[in-house]
Amino acid sequence: MKQYGLLLIAVVVLGACQVKQRQREDQTQSDPALATTELVDIAIVSPEVTTPDGRLLSATIRAMARKILINRKHYAVPKDAFVDRAAAASNATDAGTIARAAGSDAGLFISLEQWETSDLLPKGRIYAGGTARLVESGGTRVLWERSFKDWTRVASGDVTTSNRPEVMKNMLREVVQEVLSNLPPKPRR
């Protein structure tokens, strides 16, 4: 009987020590107007990144989103510098008015709110979360939105202090690619 008591205590202690698995969250919403809205040109608004690596990550997000919108979704995408100048000249601050200022049909805004890299060197793993929104030009109507949290990315090889920045960029590219994967492509005519 004493052995069963010790075994039960050991099982309870081991169970309490186990780390709770993170639950990946992923939610996509589309406005019915997306199916009937003619979108040809999408302006990529400067991303919002709330991490210390914000500038580096923001540039990577924008570059990857541009590549996806042009090559896979077949949209026309104005250059980032043009979009930024149009936003500054018109004092536009939200995706819809920035898109209108740039002469685009919609604005894509990506916010990266979670970029946890504490497990990158020891385990080759990061966690990402945020939101991507496609907003109609000149308005506030969100045509498409995808929210995500605790998306896990694991490096394909060993991560060292010297290759850490490039591994992070590659992982972020994968995240952006997946985030935009269910954005509908431009309708073909």
Protein backbone atom coordinates (compact mmCIF):
# COMPACT_ATOMS: atom_id res chain seq x y z
CA MET A 1 0.00 0.00 0.00
CA LYS A 2 2.88 2.32 0.82
CA GLN A 3 4.36 1.74 -2.65
CA TYR A 4 1.10 2.74 -4.34
CA GLY A 5 0.99 5.95 -2.30
CA LEU A 6 4.54 6.87 -3.34
CA LEU A 7 3.75 5.99 -6.97
CA LEU A 8 0.64 8.17 -6.88
CA ILE A 9 2.61 11.10 -5.42
CA ALA A 10 5.30 10.69 -8.10
CA VAL A 11 2.68 10.69 -10.88
CA VAL A 12 0.99 13.80 -9.49
CA VAL A 13 4.30 15.65 -9.11
CA LEU A 14 5.45 14.73 -12.63
CA GLY A 15 2.08 15.76 -14.07
CA ALA A 16 2.30 19.14 -12.34
CA CYS A 17 5.81 19.70 -13.69
CA GLN A 18 4.84 19.19 -17.31
CA VAL A 19 4.67 22.37 -19.35
CA LYS A 20 1.25 23.20 -20.68
CA GLN A 21 1.19 23.00 -24.47
CA ARG A 22 0.34 26.23 -26.24
CA GLN A 23 -2.87 26.12 -28.21
CA ARG A 24 -2.48 27.58 -31.69
CA GLU A 25 -5.19 30.12 -32.52
CA ASP A 26 -6.23 30.94 -36.07
CA GLN A 27 -9.34 32.83 -37.12
CA THR A 28 -10.28 34.21 -40.54
CA GLN A 29 -13.24 36.45 -41.35
CA SER A 30 -14.34 37.69 -44.76
CA ASP A 31 -16.93 40.35 -45.47
CA PRO A 32 -19.45 39.20 -48.11
CA ALA A 33 -18.56 42.39 -50.02
CA LEU A 34 -15.12 40.90 -50.73
CA ALA A 35 -16.66 38.62 -53.36
CA THR A 36 -18.14 41.56 -55.29
CA THR A 37 -15.51 44.25 -54.69
CA GLU A 38 -13.16 44.75 -57.61
CA LEU A 39 -9.63 44.72 -56.23
CA VAL A 40 -6.74 45.18 -58.59
CA ASP A 41 -4.29 47.29 -56.63
CA ILE A 42 -3.47 46.73 -52.93
CA ALA A 43 -1.27 49.09 -50.93
CA ILE A 44 0.76 47.46 -48.17
CA VAL A 45 0.65 49.79 -45.20
CA SER A 46 3.69 49.96 -42.95
CA PRO A 47 3.31 47.04 -40.51
CA GLU A 48 3.01 47.50 -36.78
CA VAL A 49 5.51 45.42 -34.85
CA THR A 50 5.54 45.55 -31.06
CA THR A 51 8.91 43.89 -30.43
CA PRO A 52 12.46 45.19 -29.96
CA ASP A 53 13.36 43.93 -33.48
CA GLY A 54 10.54 46.03 -34.95
CA ARG A 55 12.36 47.74 -37.83
CA LEU A 56 13.98 44.56 -39.13
CA LEU A 57 10.79 42.54 -38.79
CA SER A 58 8.64 45.28 -40.36
CA ALA A 59 10.79 45.40 -43.49
CA THR A 60 10.69 41.59 -43.79
CA ILE A 61 6.91 41.49 -43.35
CA ARG A 62 6.37 44.12 -46.01
CA ALA A 63 8.75 42.51 -48.50
CA MET A 64 7.21 39.07 -48.11
CA ALA A 65 3.64 40.39 -48.28
CA ARG A 66 4.54 42.25 -51.49
CA LYS A 67 6.00 39.10 -53.03
CA ILE A 68 2.92 37.05 -52.15
CA LEU A 69 0.41 39.63 -53.36
CA ILE A 70 2.18 40.00 -56.70
CA ASN A 71 3.39 36.47 -57.45
CA ARG A 72 0.71 34.29 -55.88
CA LYS A 73 -2.37 36.48 -55.61
CA HIS A 74 -1.79 38.45 -58.85
CA TYR A 75 -2.49 41.92 -57.43
CA ALA A 76 -0.73 45.11 -58.42
CA VAL A 77 1.18 46.53 -55.44
CA PRO A 78 2.61 50.05 -55.37
CA LYS A 79 6.16 50.48 -54.04
CA ASP A 80 6.46 50.93 -50.28
CA ALA A 81 8.15 54.33 -50.61
CA PHE A 82 5.26 55.58 -52.79
CA VAL A 83 2.67 54.36 -50.24
CA ASP A 84 4.61 55.98 -47.38
CA ARG A 85 4.92 59.30 -49.25
CA ALA A 86 1.20 59.27 -50.08
CA ALA A 87 0.34 58.56 -46.44
CA ALA A 88 2.61 61.36 -45.19
CA ALA A 89 1.35 63.87 -47.77
CA SER A 90 -2.29 63.22 -46.88
CA ASN A 91 -1.75 62.74 -43.12
CA ALA A 92 -3.49 59.37 -43.50
CA THR A 93 -3.00 56.98 -40.61
CA ASP A 94 -5.35 54.04 -41.24
CA ALA A 95 -5.15 51.42 -43.98
CA GLY A 96 -8.26 52.61 -45.85
CA THR A 97 -7.28 56.26 -46.15
CA ILE A 98 -3.66 55.36 -46.92
CA ALA A 99 -4.92 53.10 -49.73
CA ARG A 100 -7.06 55.94 -51.12
CA ALA A 101 -4.12 58.38 -50.91
CA ALA A 102 -1.99 55.88 -52.84
CA GLY A 103 -4.72 55.35 -55.44
CA SER A 104 -5.22 51.71 -54.45
CA ASP A 105 -8.41 49.69 -54.14
CA ALA A 106 -7.58 48.44 -50.63
CA GLY A 107 -4.91 48.58 -47.96
CA LEU A 108 -3.27 45.59 -46.33
CA PHE A 109 -2.20 46.13 -42.74
CA ILE A 110 -0.27 43.50 -40.78
CA SER A 111 0.27 43.79 -37.04
CA LEU A 112 2.79 41.48 -35.36
CA GLU A 113 1.95 41.47 -31.66
CA GLN A 114 3.73 38.28 -30.62
CA TRP A 115 7.26 37.34 -31.63
CA GLU A 116 8.71 35.21 -28.85
CA THR A 117 12.28 34.14 -29.54
CA SER A 118 13.43 32.99 -26.10
CA ASP A 119 13.38 29.36 -27.31
CA LEU A 120 15.16 30.12 -30.60
CA LEU A 121 18.74 29.37 -29.55
CA PRO A 122 18.08 26.45 -27.20
CA LYS A 123 15.26 24.75 -29.14
CA GLY A 124 15.15 26.40 -32.57
CA ARG A 125 11.57 27.54 -31.98
CA ILE A 126 9.62 30.81 -32.02
CA TYR A 127 5.99 31.74 -31.36
CA ALA A 128 4.20 34.33 -33.48
CA GLY A 129 0.88 36.11 -33.28
CA GLY A 130 -0.90 39.09 -34.74
CA THR A 131 -3.49 40.23 -37.26
CA ALA A 132 -3.67 40.93 -40.98
CA ARG A 133 -6.47 43.12 -42.34
CA LEU A 134 -7.51 44.07 -45.85
CA VAL A 135 -9.43 47.36 -45.64
CA GLU A 136 -11.40 48.94 -48.46
CA SER A 137 -9.99 52.12 -49.96
CA GLY A 138 -11.09 55.28 -48.20
CA GLY A 139 -13.15 53.47 -45.64
CA THR A 140 -13.07 51.39 -42.53
CA ARG A 141 -14.77 48.27 -43.89
CA VAL A 142 -12.57 45.27 -43.23
CA LEU A 143 -12.95 43.02 -46.26
CA TRP A 144 -10.75 40.21 -44.94
CA GLU A 145 -9.05 39.59 -41.60
CA ARG A 146 -6.93 36.82 -40.16
CA SER A 147 -5.91 36.72 -36.50
CA PHE A 148 -3.35 34.29 -35.18
CA LYS A 149 -1.64 33.52 -31.89
CA ASP A 150 0.98 31.04 -30.71
CA TRP A 151 1.90 29.92 -34.20
CA THR A 152 4.99 27.82 -33.70
CA ARG A 153 7.85 27.80 -36.15
CA VAL A 154 10.80 25.43 -35.80
CA ALA A 155 14.11 26.09 -37.52
CA SER A 156 15.11 23.64 -40.21
CA GLY A 157 18.65 23.38 -38.80
CA ASP A 158 20.75 24.38 -35.83
CA VAL A 159 20.44 27.97 -34.67
CA THR A 160 23.58 29.81 -33.56
CA THR A 161 24.25 33.38 -32.56
CA SER A 162 25.76 34.02 -35.98
CA ASN A 163 22.84 32.67 -38.06
CA ARG A 164 20.07 33.78 -35.67
CA PRO A 165 19.05 36.93 -37.64
CA GLU A 166 18.71 35.03 -40.92
CA VAL A 167 16.82 32.16 -39.25
CA MET A 168 14.41 34.69 -37.71
CA LYS A 169 13.84 36.33 -41.11
CA ASN A 170 13.12 32.95 -42.71
CA MET A 171 10.69 32.02 -39.95
CA LEU A 172 8.91 35.38 -40.30
CA ARG A 173 8.65 34.89 -44.06
CA GLU A 174 6.96 31.52 -43.39
CA VAL A 175 4.53 33.15 -40.95
CA VAL A 176 3.57 35.90 -43.44
CA GLN A 177 3.19 33.32 -46.20
CA GLU A 178 0.80 31.28 -44.07
CA VAL A 179 -1.12 34.33 -42.85
CA LEU A 180 -1.83 35.44 -46.43
CA SER A 181 -2.42 31.92 -47.77
CA ASN A 182 -6.21 32.16 -47.50
CA LEU A 183 -6.51 35.73 -48.82
CA PRO A 184 -8.46 35.32 -52.07
CA PRO A 185 -6.49 36.02 -55.24
CA LYS A 186 -7.47 38.73 -57.72
CA PRO A 187 -10.27 37.39 -59.89
CA ARG A 188 -9.06 36.52 -63.37
CA ARG A 189 -10.87 38.01 -66.33
